[in-house]
Amino acid sequence: MRIGELAERTGVSTRSLRYYEQHGLLSARRGANGYRHYSEQDVRLVSEIRALLSVGFTLEDTRPFVHCLRSGHSSGGSCPESIAVYQRKLTQIDQEIRVLLARRAEVTAQLAESCPGCFVRGET
């Protein structure tokens, strides 16, 4: 399939597909006419990349998942390198949650000092 069809099937712009290719995550074959041609496996790769990016992974984070799929696994997350990325991301998210909770506590304290008795949404 050509790049436009891959873009349509995956919901990703052709510009993004070229960007993925530039970073080695996709590899298009070229037809005699010079057009990029992609396979059904590329649909799965792009879908995996898109799903990971949508939940906060970086493009570089997606690399082990792509390699895992290319090596024949049915899931990009089933290889040890992918699992390590999942674990690292969860640790990062947990840290972000701790930071946000600390910020919330500080803002709540500032509000309580500035306006005793004011209702703070979300407090129980």
PDB file of N, CA and C in Angstrom:
ATOM      1  N   MET A   1       0.842  -1.175   0.000  1.00  0.00           N
ATOM      2  CA  MET A   1       0.000   0.000   0.000  1.00  0.00           C
ATOM      3  C   MET A   1       0.889   1.239   0.000  1.00  0.00           C
ATOM      4  N   ARG A   2       0.378   2.317  -0.521  1.00  0.00           N
ATOM      5  CA  ARG A   2       1.145   3.553  -0.566  1.00  0.00           C
ATOM      6  C   ARG A   2       0.947   4.344   0.720  1.00  0.00           C
ATOM      7  N   ILE A   3       1.736   5.375   0.884  1.00  0.00           N
ATOM      8  CA  ILE A   3       1.771   6.125   2.134  1.00  0.00           C
ATOM      9  C   ILE A   3       0.411   6.731   2.486  1.00  0.00           C
ATOM     10  N   GLY A   4      -0.322   7.195   1.490  1.00  0.00           N
ATOM     11  CA  GLY A   4      -1.637   7.778   1.758  1.00  0.00           C
ATOM     12  C   GLY A   4      -2.607   6.772   2.350  1.00  0.00           C
ATOM     13  N   GLU A   5      -2.573   5.548   1.848  1.00  0.00           N
ATOM     14  CA  GLU A   5      -3.450   4.508   2.377  1.00  0.00           C
ATOM     15  C   GLU A   5      -3.041   4.122   3.794  1.00  0.00           C
ATOM     16  N   LEU A   6      -1.741   4.024   4.025  1.00  0.00           N
ATOM     17  CA  LEU A   6      -1.270   3.718   5.382  1.00  0.00           C
ATOM     18  C   LEU A   6      -1.696   4.819   6.345  1.00  0.00           C
ATOM     19  N   ALA A   7      -1.575   6.053   5.916  1.00  0.00           N
ATOM     20  CA  ALA A   7      -1.985   7.182   6.757  1.00  0.00           C
ATOM     21  C   ALA A   7      -3.478   7.088   7.070  1.00  0.00           C
ATOM     22  N   GLU A   8      -4.276   6.814   6.067  1.00  0.00           N
ATOM     23  CA  GLU A   8      -5.721   6.719   6.258  1.00  0.00           C
ATOM     24  C   GLU A   8      -6.091   5.565   7.182  1.00  0.00           C
ATOM     25  N   ARG A   9      -5.468   4.423   6.988  1.00  0.00           N
ATOM     26  CA  ARG A   9      -5.797   3.238   7.786  1.00  0.00           C
ATOM     27  C   ARG A   9      -5.364   3.359   9.238  1.00  0.00           C
ATOM     28  N   THR A  10      -4.333   4.149   9.507  1.00  0.00           N
ATOM     29  CA  THR A  10      -3.811   4.250  10.875  1.00  0.00           C
ATOM     30  C   THR A  10      -4.183   5.552  11.571  1.00  0.00           C
ATOM     31  N   GLY A  11      -4.734   6.514  10.831  1.00  0.00           N
ATOM     32  CA  GLY A  11      -5.093   7.791  11.428  1.00  0.00           C
ATOM     33  C   GLY A  11      -3.889   8.669  11.717  1.00  0.00           C
ATOM     34  N   VAL A  12      -2.808   8.441  11.003  1.00  0.00           N
ATOM     35  CA  VAL A  12      -1.562   9.185  11.193  1.00  0.00           C
ATOM     36  C   VAL A  12      -1.280   9.952   9.904  1.00  0.00           C
ATOM     37  N   SER A  13      -0.773  11.154  10.028  1.00  0.00           N
ATOM     38  CA  SER A  13      -0.478  11.947   8.834  1.00  0.00           C
ATOM     39  C   SER A  13       0.687  11.350   8.049  1.00  0.00           C
ATOM     40  N   THR A  14       0.736  11.648   6.768  1.00  0.00           N
ATOM     41  CA  THR A  14       1.854  11.179   5.951  1.00  0.00           C
ATOM     42  C   THR A  14       3.156  11.793   6.453  1.00  0.00           C
ATOM     43  N   ARG A  15       3.067  12.994   6.967  1.00  0.00           N
ATOM     44  CA  ARG A  15       4.265  13.646   7.527  1.00  0.00           C
ATOM     45  C   ARG A  15       4.808  12.840   8.707  1.00  0.00           C
ATOM     46  N   SER A  16       3.911  12.384   9.577  1.00  0.00           N
ATOM     47  CA  SER A  16       4.337  11.563  10.719  1.00  0.00           C
ATOM     48  C   SER A  16       4.945  10.248  10.251  1.00  0.00           C
ATOM     49  N   LEU A  17       4.343   9.655   9.233  1.00  0.00           N
ATOM     50  CA  LEU A  17       4.890   8.395   8.713  1.00  0.00           C
ATOM     51  C   LEU A  17       6.299   8.595   8.174  1.00  0.00           C
ATOM     52  N   ARG A  18       6.522   9.689   7.479  1.00  0.00           N
ATOM     53  CA  ARG A  18       7.873   9.979   6.985  1.00  0.00           C
ATOM     54  C   ARG A  18       8.839  10.209   8.157  1.00  0.00           C
ATOM     55  N   TYR A  19       8.324  10.855   9.202  1.00  0.00           N
ATOM     56  CA  TYR A  19       9.129  11.096  10.401  1.00  0.00           C
ATOM     57  C   TYR A  19       9.511   9.773  11.064  1.00  0.00           C
ATOM     58  N   TYR A  20       8.567   8.861  11.178  1.00  0.00           N
ATOM     59  CA  TYR A  20       8.852   7.540  11.740  1.00  0.00           C
ATOM     60  C   TYR A  20       9.899   6.821  10.893  1.00  0.00           C
ATOM     61  N   GLU A  21       9.774   6.957   9.588  1.00  0.00           N
ATOM     62  CA  GLU A  21      10.733   6.333   8.689  1.00  0.00           C
ATOM     63  C   GLU A  21      12.122   6.956   8.869  1.00  0.00           C
ATOM     64  N   GLN A  22      12.156   8.266   8.989  1.00  0.00           N
ATOM     65  CA  GLN A  22      13.423   8.983   9.188  1.00  0.00           C
ATOM     66  C   GLN A  22      14.125   8.519  10.459  1.00  0.00           C
ATOM     67  N   HIS A  23      13.348   8.142  11.463  1.00  0.00           N
ATOM     68  CA  HIS A  23      13.910   7.693  12.739  1.00  0.00           C
ATOM     69  C   HIS A  23      14.075   6.180  12.814  1.00  0.00           C
ATOM     70  N   GLY A  24      13.895   5.497  11.697  1.00  0.00           N
ATOM     71  CA  GLY A  24      14.166   4.076  11.639  1.00  0.00           C
ATOM     72  C   GLY A  24      13.088   3.178  12.204  1.00  0.00           C
ATOM     73  N   LEU A  25      11.909   3.717  12.478  1.00  0.00           N
ATOM     74  CA  LEU A  25      10.832   2.902  13.022  1.00  0.00           C
ATOM     75  C   LEU A  25      10.009   2.227  11.927  1.00  0.00           C
ATOM     76  N   LEU A  26       9.992   2.810  10.768  1.00  0.00           N
ATOM     77  CA  LEU A  26       9.343   2.231   9.591  1.00  0.00           C
ATOM     78  C   LEU A  26      10.367   2.148   8.480  1.00  0.00           C
ATOM     79  N   SER A  27      10.183   1.188   7.614  1.00  0.00           N
ATOM     80  CA  SER A  27      11.065   1.109   6.447  1.00  0.00           C
ATOM     81  C   SER A  27      10.216   0.798   5.226  1.00  0.00           C
ATOM     82  N   ALA A  28      10.030   1.820   4.422  1.00  0.00           N
ATOM     83  CA  ALA A  28       9.235   1.658   3.205  1.00  0.00           C
ATOM     84  C   ALA A  28      10.096   1.065   2.101  1.00  0.00           C
ATOM     85  N   ARG A  29       9.465   0.256   1.311  1.00  0.00           N
ATOM     86  CA  ARG A  29      10.114  -0.218   0.110  1.00  0.00           C
ATOM     87  C   ARG A  29       9.719   0.736  -1.006  1.00  0.00           C
ATOM     88  N   ARG A  30      10.579   0.913  -1.964  1.00  0.00           N
ATOM     89  CA  ARG A  30      10.293   1.830  -3.067  1.00  0.00           C
ATOM     90  C   ARG A  30       9.935   1.034  -4.312  1.00  0.00           C
ATOM     91  N   GLY A  31       8.849   1.455  -4.952  1.00  0.00           N
ATOM     92  CA  GLY A  31       8.456   0.843  -6.215  1.00  0.00           C
ATOM     93  C   GLY A  31       9.293   1.414  -7.347  1.00  0.00           C
ATOM     94  N   ALA A  32       9.119   0.868  -8.529  1.00  0.00           N
ATOM     95  CA  ALA A  32       9.853   1.346  -9.704  1.00  0.00           C
ATOM     96  C   ALA A  32       9.570   2.814  -9.975  1.00  0.00           C
ATOM     97  N   ASN A  33       8.388   3.266  -9.570  1.00  0.00           N
ATOM     98  CA  ASN A  33       8.014   4.662  -9.775  1.00  0.00           C
ATOM     99  C   ASN A  33       8.539   5.580  -8.671  1.00  0.00           C
ATOM    100  N   GLY A  34       9.218   5.009  -7.669  1.00  0.00           N
ATOM    101  CA  GLY A  34       9.780   5.796  -6.574  1.00  0.00           C
ATOM    102  C   GLY A  34       8.850   5.983  -5.392  1.00  0.00           C
ATOM    103  N   TYR A  35       7.601   5.527  -5.509  1.00  0.00           N
ATOM    104  CA  TYR A  35       6.652   5.677  -4.407  1.00  0.00           C
ATOM    105  C   TYR A  35       6.992   4.712  -3.276  1.00  0.00           C
ATOM    106  N   ARG A  36       6.720   5.170  -2.065  1.00  0.00           N
ATOM    107  CA  ARG A  36       6.881   4.303  -0.902  1.00  0.00           C
ATOM    108  C   ARG A  36       5.770   3.259  -0.913  1.00  0.00           C
ATOM    109  N   HIS A  37       6.139   2.032  -0.536  1.00  0.00           N
ATOM    110  CA  HIS A  37       5.156   0.957  -0.401  1.00  0.00           C
ATOM    111  C   HIS A  37       5.323   0.321   0.972  1.00  0.00           C
ATOM    112  N   TYR A  38       4.190   0.107   1.613  1.00  0.00           N
ATOM    113  CA  TYR A  38       4.166  -0.451   2.961  1.00  0.00           C
ATOM    114  C   TYR A  38       3.382  -1.748   2.974  1.00  0.00           C
ATOM    115  N   SER A  39       3.648  -2.567   3.993  1.00  0.00           N
ATOM    116  CA  SER A  39       2.977  -3.857   4.127  1.00  0.00           C
ATOM    117  C   SER A  39       1.924  -3.803   5.230  1.00  0.00           C
ATOM    118  N   GLU A  40       1.200  -4.881   5.367  1.00  0.00           N
ATOM    119  CA  GLU A  40       0.223  -4.996   6.458  1.00  0.00           C
ATOM    120  C   GLU A  40       0.917  -4.911   7.813  1.00  0.00           C
ATOM    121  N   GLN A  41       2.140  -5.428   7.913  1.00  0.00           N
ATOM    122  CA  GLN A  41       2.869  -5.353   9.173  1.00  0.00           C
ATOM    123  C   GLN A  41       3.098  -3.889   9.568  1.00  0.00           C
ATOM    124  N   ASP A  42       3.279  -3.023   8.593  1.00  0.00           N
ATOM    125  CA  ASP A  42       3.489  -1.604   8.895  1.00  0.00           C
ATOM    126  C   ASP A  42       2.258  -0.973   9.529  1.00  0.00           C
ATOM    127  N   VAL A  43       1.078  -1.456   9.174  1.00  0.00           N
ATOM    128  CA  VAL A  43      -0.152  -0.976   9.817  1.00  0.00           C
ATOM    129  C   VAL A  43      -0.067  -1.269  11.306  1.00  0.00           C
ATOM    130  N   ARG A  44       0.333  -2.474  11.651  1.00  0.00           N
ATOM    131  CA  ARG A  44       0.463  -2.868  13.069  1.00  0.00           C
ATOM    132  C   ARG A  44       1.535  -2.048  13.763  1.00  0.00           C
ATOM    133  N   LEU A  45       2.669  -1.823  13.104  1.00  0.00           N
ATOM    134  CA  LEU A  45       3.749  -1.039  13.696  1.00  0.00           C
ATOM    135  C   LEU A  45       3.297   0.379  13.987  1.00  0.00           C
ATOM    136  N   VAL A  46       2.653   1.005  13.018  1.00  0.00           N
ATOM    137  CA  VAL A  46       2.195   2.385  13.195  1.00  0.00           C
ATOM    138  C   VAL A  46       1.131   2.453  14.291  1.00  0.00           C
ATOM    139  N   SER A  47       0.246   1.479  14.325  1.00  0.00           N
ATOM    140  CA  SER A  47      -0.780   1.451  15.377  1.00  0.00           C
ATOM    141  C   SER A  47      -0.147   1.340  16.758  1.00  0.00           C
ATOM    142  N   GLU A  48       0.885   0.525  16.869  1.00  0.00           N
ATOM    143  CA  GLU A  48       1.603   0.367  18.140  1.00  0.00           C
ATOM    144  C   GLU A  48       2.278   1.684  18.532  1.00  0.00           C
ATOM    145  N   ILE A  49       2.955   2.307  17.586  1.00  0.00           N
ATOM    146  CA  ILE A  49       3.626   3.585  17.850  1.00  0.00           C
ATOM    147  C   ILE A  49       2.601   4.622  18.301  1.00  0.00           C
ATOM    148  N   ARG A  50       1.510   4.714  17.565  1.00  0.00           N
ATOM    149  CA  ARG A  50       0.472   5.702  17.877  1.00  0.00           C
ATOM    150  C   ARG A  50      -0.128   5.472  19.270  1.00  0.00           C
ATOM    151  N   ALA A  51      -0.401   4.224  19.599  1.00  0.00           N
ATOM    152  CA  ALA A  51      -0.980   3.914  20.913  1.00  0.00           C
ATOM    153  C   ALA A  51      -0.018   4.294  22.038  1.00  0.00           C
ATOM    154  N   LEU A  52       1.250   4.017  21.857  1.00  0.00           N
ATOM    155  CA  LEU A  52       2.236   4.348  22.888  1.00  0.00           C
ATOM    156  C   LEU A  52       2.414   5.857  23.021  1.00  0.00           C
ATOM    157  N   LEU A  53       2.482   6.547  21.906  1.00  0.00           N
ATOM    158  CA  LEU A  53       2.627   8.006  21.956  1.00  0.00           C
ATOM    159  C   LEU A  53       1.419   8.650  22.632  1.00  0.00           C
ATOM    160  N   SER A  54       0.233   8.088  22.411  1.00  0.00           N
ATOM    161  CA  SER A  54      -0.989   8.682  22.965  1.00  0.00           C
ATOM    162  C   SER A  54      -1.048   8.619  24.487  1.00  0.00           C
ATOM    163  N   VAL A  55      -0.271   7.725  25.107  1.00  0.00           N
ATOM    164  CA  VAL A  55      -0.273   7.635  26.570  1.00  0.00           C
ATOM    165  C   VAL A  55       1.016   8.183  27.181  1.00  0.00           C
ATOM    166  N   GLY A  56       1.782   8.913  26.381  1.00  0.00           N
ATOM    167  CA  GLY A  56       2.913   9.628  26.942  1.00  0.00           C
ATOM    168  C   GLY A  56       4.296   9.065  26.702  1.00  0.00           C
ATOM    169  N   PHE A  57       4.396   7.983  25.954  1.00  0.00           N
ATOM    170  CA  PHE A  57       5.719   7.465  25.627  1.00  0.00           C
ATOM    171  C   PHE A  57       6.358   8.379  24.588  1.00  0.00           C
ATOM    172  N   THR A  58       7.678   8.442  24.587  1.00  0.00           N
ATOM    173  CA  THR A  58       8.387   9.204  23.565  1.00  0.00           C
ATOM    174  C   THR A  58       8.563   8.328  22.330  1.00  0.00           C
ATOM    175  N   LEU A  59       8.921   8.955  21.241  1.00  0.00           N
ATOM    176  CA  LEU A  59       9.169   8.194  20.022  1.00  0.00           C
ATOM    177  C   LEU A  59      10.285   7.181  20.243  1.00  0.00           C
ATOM    178  N   GLU A  60      11.314   7.580  20.958  1.00  0.00           N
ATOM    179  CA  GLU A  60      12.424   6.655  21.241  1.00  0.00           C
ATOM    180  C   GLU A  60      11.954   5.483  22.110  1.00  0.00           C
ATOM    181  N   ASP A  61      11.018   5.735  23.031  1.00  0.00           N
ATOM    182  CA  ASP A  61      10.472   4.662  23.865  1.00  0.00           C
ATOM    183  C   ASP A  61       9.803   3.574  23.028  1.00  0.00           C
ATOM    184  N   THR A  62       9.289   3.941  21.860  1.00  0.00           N
ATOM    185  CA  THR A  62       8.554   2.972  21.046  1.00  0.00           C
ATOM    186  C   THR A  62       9.463   1.975  20.338  1.00  0.00           C
ATOM    187  N   ARG A  63      10.735   2.312  20.239  1.00  0.00           N
ATOM    188  CA  ARG A  63      11.675   1.485  19.465  1.00  0.00           C
ATOM    189  C   ARG A  63      11.669  -0.001  19.878  1.00  0.00           C
ATOM    190  N   PRO A  64      11.767  -0.346  21.174  1.00  0.00           N
ATOM    191  CA  PRO A  64      11.765  -1.774  21.543  1.00  0.00           C
ATOM    192  C   PRO A  64      10.459  -2.482  21.173  1.00  0.00           C
ATOM    193  N   PHE A  65       9.342  -1.763  21.219  1.00  0.00           N
ATOM    194  CA  PHE A  65       8.052  -2.357  20.863  1.00  0.00           C
ATOM    195  C   PHE A  65       8.008  -2.674  19.362  1.00  0.00           C
ATOM    196  N   VAL A  66       8.540  -1.755  18.564  1.00  0.00           N
ATOM    197  CA  VAL A  66       8.607  -1.963  17.115  1.00  0.00           C
ATOM    198  C   VAL A  66       9.517  -3.148  16.796  1.00  0.00           C
ATOM    199  N   HIS A  67      10.675  -3.197  17.431  1.00  0.00           N
ATOM    200  CA  HIS A  67      11.596  -4.320  17.206  1.00  0.00           C
ATOM    201  C   HIS A  67      10.947  -5.641  17.610  1.00  0.00           C
ATOM    202  N   CYS A  68      10.203  -5.624  18.690  1.00  0.00           N
ATOM    203  CA  CYS A  68       9.535  -6.835  19.173  1.00  0.00           C
ATOM    204  C   CYS A  68       8.517  -7.327  18.134  1.00  0.00           C
ATOM    205  N   LEU A  69       7.723  -6.414  17.603  1.00  0.00           N
ATOM    206  CA  LEU A  69       6.760  -6.795  16.571  1.00  0.00           C
ATOM    207  C   LEU A  69       7.457  -7.290  15.308  1.00  0.00           C
ATOM    208  N   ARG A  70       8.513  -6.605  14.914  1.00  0.00           N
ATOM    209  CA  ARG A  70       9.243  -7.011  13.705  1.00  0.00           C
ATOM    210  C   ARG A  70       9.861  -8.394  13.843  1.00  0.00           C
ATOM    211  N   SER A  71      10.187  -8.778  15.077  1.00  0.00           N
ATOM    212  CA  SER A  71      10.812 -10.091  15.276  1.00  0.00           C
ATOM    213  C   SER A  71       9.779 -11.212  15.343  1.00  0.00           C
ATOM    214  N   GLY A  72       8.500 -10.870  15.117  1.00  0.00           N
ATOM    215  CA  GLY A  72       7.485 -11.908  15.006  1.00  0.00           C
ATOM    216  C   GLY A  72       6.574 -12.082  16.199  1.00  0.00           C
ATOM    217  N   HIS A  73       6.753 -11.313  17.236  1.00  0.00           N
ATOM    218  CA  HIS A  73       5.879 -11.427  18.407  1.00  0.00           C
ATOM    219  C   HIS A  73       4.514 -10.817  18.096  1.00  0.00           C
ATOM    220  N   SER A  74       3.484 -11.366  18.699  1.00  0.00           N
ATOM    221  CA  SER A  74       2.134 -10.867  18.435  1.00  0.00           C
ATOM    222  C   SER A  74       1.850  -9.557  19.172  1.00  0.00           C
ATOM    223  N   SER A  75       2.639  -9.266  20.186  1.00  0.00           N
ATOM    224  CA  SER A  75       2.487  -8.032  20.952  1.00  0.00           C
ATOM    225  C   SER A  75       3.835  -7.341  21.051  1.00  0.00           C
ATOM    226  N   GLY A  76       3.827  -6.045  20.851  1.00  0.00           N
ATOM    227  CA  GLY A  76       5.064  -5.287  20.961  1.00  0.00           C
ATOM    228  C   GLY A  76       5.566  -5.187  22.384  1.00  0.00           C
ATOM    229  N   GLY A  77       4.695  -5.470  23.334  1.00  0.00           N
ATOM    230  CA  GLY A  77       5.070  -5.366  24.737  1.00  0.00           C
ATOM    231  C   GLY A  77       5.516  -6.666  25.363  1.00  0.00           C
ATOM    232  N   SER A  78       5.710  -7.704  24.577  1.00  0.00           N
ATOM    233  CA  SER A  78       6.024  -9.009  25.156  1.00  0.00           C
ATOM    234  C   SER A  78       7.519  -9.310  25.258  1.00  0.00           C
ATOM    235  N   CYS A  79       8.361  -8.429  24.761  1.00  0.00           N
ATOM    236  CA  CYS A  79       9.810  -8.653  24.813  1.00  0.00           C
ATOM    237  C   CYS A  79      10.405  -7.996  26.064  1.00  0.00           C
ATOM    238  N   PRO A  80      11.488  -8.533  26.585  1.00  0.00           N
ATOM    239  CA  PRO A  80      12.093  -7.979  27.803  1.00  0.00           C
ATOM    240  C   PRO A  80      12.426  -6.485  27.703  1.00  0.00           C
ATOM    241  N   GLU A  81      12.883  -6.032  26.541  1.00  0.00           N
ATOM    242  CA  GLU A  81      13.225  -4.616  26.388  1.00  0.00           C
ATOM    243  C   GLU A  81      11.988  -3.732  26.481  1.00  0.00           C
ATOM    244  N   SER A  82      10.872  -4.210  25.946  1.00  0.00           N
ATOM    245  CA  SER A  82       9.611  -3.471  26.024  1.00  0.00           C
ATOM    246  C   SER A  82       9.101  -3.428  27.459  1.00  0.00           C
ATOM    247  N   ILE A  83       9.205  -4.542  28.144  1.00  0.00           N
ATOM    248  CA  ILE A  83       8.765  -4.606  29.542  1.00  0.00           C
ATOM    249  C   ILE A  83       9.574  -3.632  30.385  1.00  0.00           C
ATOM    250  N   ALA A  84      10.857  -3.519  30.110  1.00  0.00           N
ATOM    251  CA  ALA A  84      11.703  -2.564  30.841  1.00  0.00           C
ATOM    252  C   ALA A  84      11.235  -1.128  30.598  1.00  0.00           C
ATOM    253  N   VAL A  85      10.812  -0.834  29.363  1.00  0.00           N
ATOM    254  CA  VAL A  85      10.304   0.506  29.065  1.00  0.00           C
ATOM    255  C   VAL A  85       8.995   0.747  29.811  1.00  0.00           C
ATOM    256  N   TYR A  86       8.108  -0.250  29.829  1.00  0.00           N
ATOM    257  CA  TYR A  86       6.866  -0.137  30.608  1.00  0.00           C
ATOM    258  C   TYR A  86       7.175   0.160  32.075  1.00  0.00           C
ATOM    259  N   GLN A  87       8.088  -0.593  32.644  1.00  0.00           N
ATOM    260  CA  GLN A  87       8.424  -0.417  34.061  1.00  0.00           C
ATOM    261  C   GLN A  87       9.006   0.967  34.327  1.00  0.00           C
ATOM    262  N   ARG A  88       9.896   1.409  33.438  1.00  0.00           N
ATOM    263  CA  ARG A  88      10.478   2.746  33.594  1.00  0.00           C
ATOM    264  C   ARG A  88       9.401   3.824  33.501  1.00  0.00           C
ATOM    265  N   LYS A  89       8.463   3.660  32.575  1.00  0.00           N
ATOM    266  CA  LYS A  89       7.391   4.641  32.405  1.00  0.00           C
ATOM    267  C   LYS A  89       6.488   4.672  33.627  1.00  0.00           C
ATOM    268  N   LEU A  90       6.170   3.519  34.180  1.00  0.00           N
ATOM    269  CA  LEU A  90       5.345   3.488  35.392  1.00  0.00           C
ATOM    270  C   LEU A  90       6.036   4.181  36.561  1.00  0.00           C
ATOM    271  N   THR A  91       7.325   3.974  36.696  1.00  0.00           N
ATOM    272  CA  THR A  91       8.090   4.661  37.742  1.00  0.00           C
ATOM    273  C   THR A  91       8.022   6.170  37.538  1.00  0.00           C
ATOM    274  N   GLN A  92       8.161   6.603  36.294  1.00  0.00           N
ATOM    275  CA  GLN A  92       8.091   8.026  35.968  1.00  0.00           C
ATOM    276  C   GLN A  92       6.699   8.591  36.282  1.00  0.00           C
ATOM    277  N   ILE A  93       5.653   7.865  35.928  1.00  0.00           N
ATOM    278  CA  ILE A  93       4.287   8.314  36.202  1.00  0.00           C
ATOM    279  C   ILE A  93       4.054   8.405  37.703  1.00  0.00           C
ATOM    280  N   ASP A  94       4.516   7.408  38.454  1.00  0.00           N
ATOM    281  CA  ASP A  94       4.371   7.446  39.914  1.00  0.00           C
ATOM    282  C   ASP A  94       5.051   8.677  40.503  1.00  0.00           C
ATOM    283  N   GLN A  95       6.224   9.028  39.987  1.00  0.00           N
ATOM    284  CA  GLN A  95       6.933  10.217  40.455  1.00  0.00           C
ATOM    285  C   GLN A  95       6.139  11.477  40.115  1.00  0.00           C
ATOM    286  N   GLU A  96       5.589  11.536  38.924  1.00  0.00           N
ATOM    287  CA  GLU A  96       4.783  12.692  38.525  1.00  0.00           C
ATOM    288  C   GLU A  96       3.560  12.837  39.427  1.00  0.00           C
ATOM    289  N   ILE A  97       2.942  11.709  39.790  1.00  0.00           N
ATOM    290  CA  ILE A  97       1.787  11.740  40.692  1.00  0.00           C
ATOM    291  C   ILE A  97       2.198  12.294  42.052  1.00  0.00           C
ATOM    292  N   ARG A  98       3.350  11.841  42.571  1.00  0.00           N
ATOM    293  CA  ARG A  98       3.823  12.349  43.865  1.00  0.00           C
ATOM    294  C   ARG A  98       4.054  13.859  43.813  1.00  0.00           C
ATOM    295  N   VAL A  99       4.640  14.332  42.722  1.00  0.00           N
ATOM    296  CA  VAL A  99       4.886  15.767  42.567  1.00  0.00           C
ATOM    297  C   VAL A  99       3.560  16.526  42.520  1.00  0.00           C
ATOM    298  N   LEU A 100       2.607  16.016  41.759  1.00  0.00           N
ATOM    299  CA  LEU A 100       1.307  16.686  41.665  1.00  0.00           C
ATOM    300  C   LEU A 100       0.579  16.698  43.007  1.00  0.00           C
ATOM    301  N   LEU A 101       0.647  15.608  43.747  1.00  0.00           N
ATOM    302  CA  LEU A 101       0.011  15.575  45.069  1.00  0.00           C
ATOM    303  C   LEU A 101       0.661  16.577  46.026  1.00  0.00           C
ATOM    304  N   ALA A 102       1.975  16.699  45.958  1.00  0.00           N
ATOM    305  CA  ALA A 102       2.668  17.681  46.796  1.00  0.00           C
ATOM    306  C   ALA A 102       2.272  19.101  46.401  1.00  0.00           C
ATOM    307  N   ARG A 103       2.172  19.371  45.118  1.00  0.00           N
ATOM    308  CA  ARG A 103       1.733  20.695  44.660  1.00  0.00           C
ATOM    309  C   ARG A 103       0.320  20.990  45.117  1.00  0.00           C
ATOM    310  N   ARG A 104      -0.539  19.978  45.005  1.00  0.00           N
ATOM    311  CA  ARG A 104      -1.927  20.164  45.421  1.00  0.00           C
ATOM    312  C   ARG A 104      -2.005  20.491  46.908  1.00  0.00           C
ATOM    313  N   ALA A 105      -1.233  19.769  47.703  1.00  0.00           N
ATOM    314  CA  ALA A 105      -1.226  20.025  49.141  1.00  0.00           C
ATOM    315  C   ALA A 105      -0.751  21.442  49.434  1.00  0.00           C
ATOM    316  N   GLU A 106       0.254  21.906  48.711  1.00  0.00           N
ATOM    317  CA  GLU A 106       0.767  23.258  48.907  1.00  0.00           C
ATOM    318  C   GLU A 106      -0.262  24.312  48.521  1.00  0.00           C
ATOM    319  N   VAL A 107      -0.930  24.130  47.399  1.00  0.00           N
ATOM    320  CA  VAL A 107      -1.958  25.092  46.973  1.00  0.00           C
ATOM    321  C   VAL A 107      -3.126  25.075  47.952  1.00  0.00           C
ATOM    322  N   THR A 108      -3.500  23.889  48.426  1.00  0.00           N
ATOM    323  CA  THR A 108      -4.568  23.777  49.411  1.00  0.00           C
ATOM    324  C   THR A 108      -4.195  24.530  50.686  1.00  0.00           C
ATOM    325  N   ALA A 109      -2.956  24.381  51.128  1.00  0.00           N
ATOM    326  CA  ALA A 109      -2.499  25.084  52.334  1.00  0.00           C
ATOM    327  C   ALA A 109      -2.515  26.599  52.123  1.00  0.00           C
ATOM    328  N   GLN A 110      -2.090  27.038  50.937  1.00  0.00           N
ATOM    329  CA  GLN A 110      -2.102  28.473  50.639  1.00  0.00           C
ATOM    330  C   GLN A 110      -3.524  29.014  50.617  1.00  0.00           C
ATOM    331  N   LEU A 111      -4.452  28.266  50.046  1.00  0.00           N
ATOM    332  CA  LEU A 111      -5.847  28.683  50.020  1.00  0.00           C
ATOM    333  C   LEU A 111      -6.417  28.734  51.431  1.00  0.00           C
ATOM    334  N   ALA A 112      -6.122  27.725  52.229  1.00  0.00           N
ATOM    335  CA  ALA A 112      -6.625  27.687  53.600  1.00  0.00           C
ATOM    336  C   ALA A 112      -6.098  28.866  54.407  1.00  0.00           C
ATOM    337  N   GLU A 113      -4.870  29.256  54.159  1.00  0.00           N
ATOM    338  CA  GLU A 113      -4.287  30.405  54.852  1.00  0.00           C
ATOM    339  C   GLU A 113      -4.917  31.711  54.370  1.00  0.00           C
ATOM    340  N   SER A 114      -5.158  31.810  53.092  1.00  0.00           N
ATOM    341  CA  SER A 114      -5.711  33.022  52.512  1.00  0.00           C
ATOM    342  C   SER A 114      -7.210  33.166  52.744  1.00  0.00           C
ATOM    343  N   CYS A 115      -7.897  32.067  52.817  1.00  0.00           N
ATOM    344  CA  CYS A 115      -9.351  32.090  52.916  1.00  0.00           C
ATOM    345  C   CYS A 115      -9.804  30.970  53.837  1.00  0.00           C
ATOM    346  N   PRO A 116      -9.671  31.160  55.162  1.00  0.00           N
ATOM    347  CA  PRO A 116     -10.095  30.107  56.089  1.00  0.00           C
ATOM    348  C   PRO A 116     -11.577  29.752  55.858  1.00  0.00           C
ATOM    349  N   GLY A 117     -11.848  28.496  55.817  1.00  0.00           N
ATOM    350  CA  GLY A 117     -13.221  28.035  55.644  1.00  0.00           C
ATOM    351  C   GLY A 117     -13.673  27.906  54.194  1.00  0.00           C
ATOM    352  N   CYS A 118     -12.815  28.304  53.248  1.00  0.00           N
ATOM    353  CA  CYS A 118     -13.185  28.146  51.838  1.00  0.00           C
ATOM    354  C   CYS A 118     -13.190  26.659  51.479  1.00  0.00           C
ATOM    355  N   PHE A 119     -14.154  26.288  50.663  1.00  0.00           N
ATOM    356  CA  PHE A 119     -14.258  24.914  50.209  1.00  0.00           C
ATOM    357  C   PHE A 119     -13.182  24.655  49.154  1.00  0.00           C
ATOM    358  N   VAL A 120     -12.473  23.555  49.306  1.00  0.00           N
ATOM    359  CA  VAL A 120     -11.491  23.148  48.304  1.00  0.00           C
ATOM    360  C   VAL A 120     -12.053  21.908  47.632  1.00  0.00           C
ATOM    361  N   ARG A 121     -12.353  22.031  46.344  1.00  0.00           N
ATOM    362  CA  ARG A 121     -12.931  20.927  45.566  1.00  0.00           C
ATOM    363  C   ARG A 121     -11.980  19.722  45.617  1.00  0.00           C
ATOM    364  N   GLY A 122     -12.568  18.561  45.887  1.00  0.00           N
ATOM    365  CA  GLY A 122     -11.776  17.333  45.879  1.00  0.00           C
ATOM    366  C   GLY A 122     -11.311  16.929  47.269  1.00  0.00           C
ATOM    367  N   GLU A 123     -11.445  17.815  48.244  1.00  0.00           N
ATOM    368  CA  GLU A 123     -11.046  17.438  49.608  1.00  0.00           C
ATOM    369  C   GLU A 123     -12.173  16.668  50.267  1.00  0.00           C
ATOM    370  N   THR A 124     -11.819  15.727  51.075  1.00  0.00           N
ATOM    371  CA  THR A 124     -12.827  14.985  51.819  1.00  0.00           C
ATOM    372  C   THR A 124     -12.524  15.045  53.282  1.00  0.00           C
TER     373      THR A 124
END
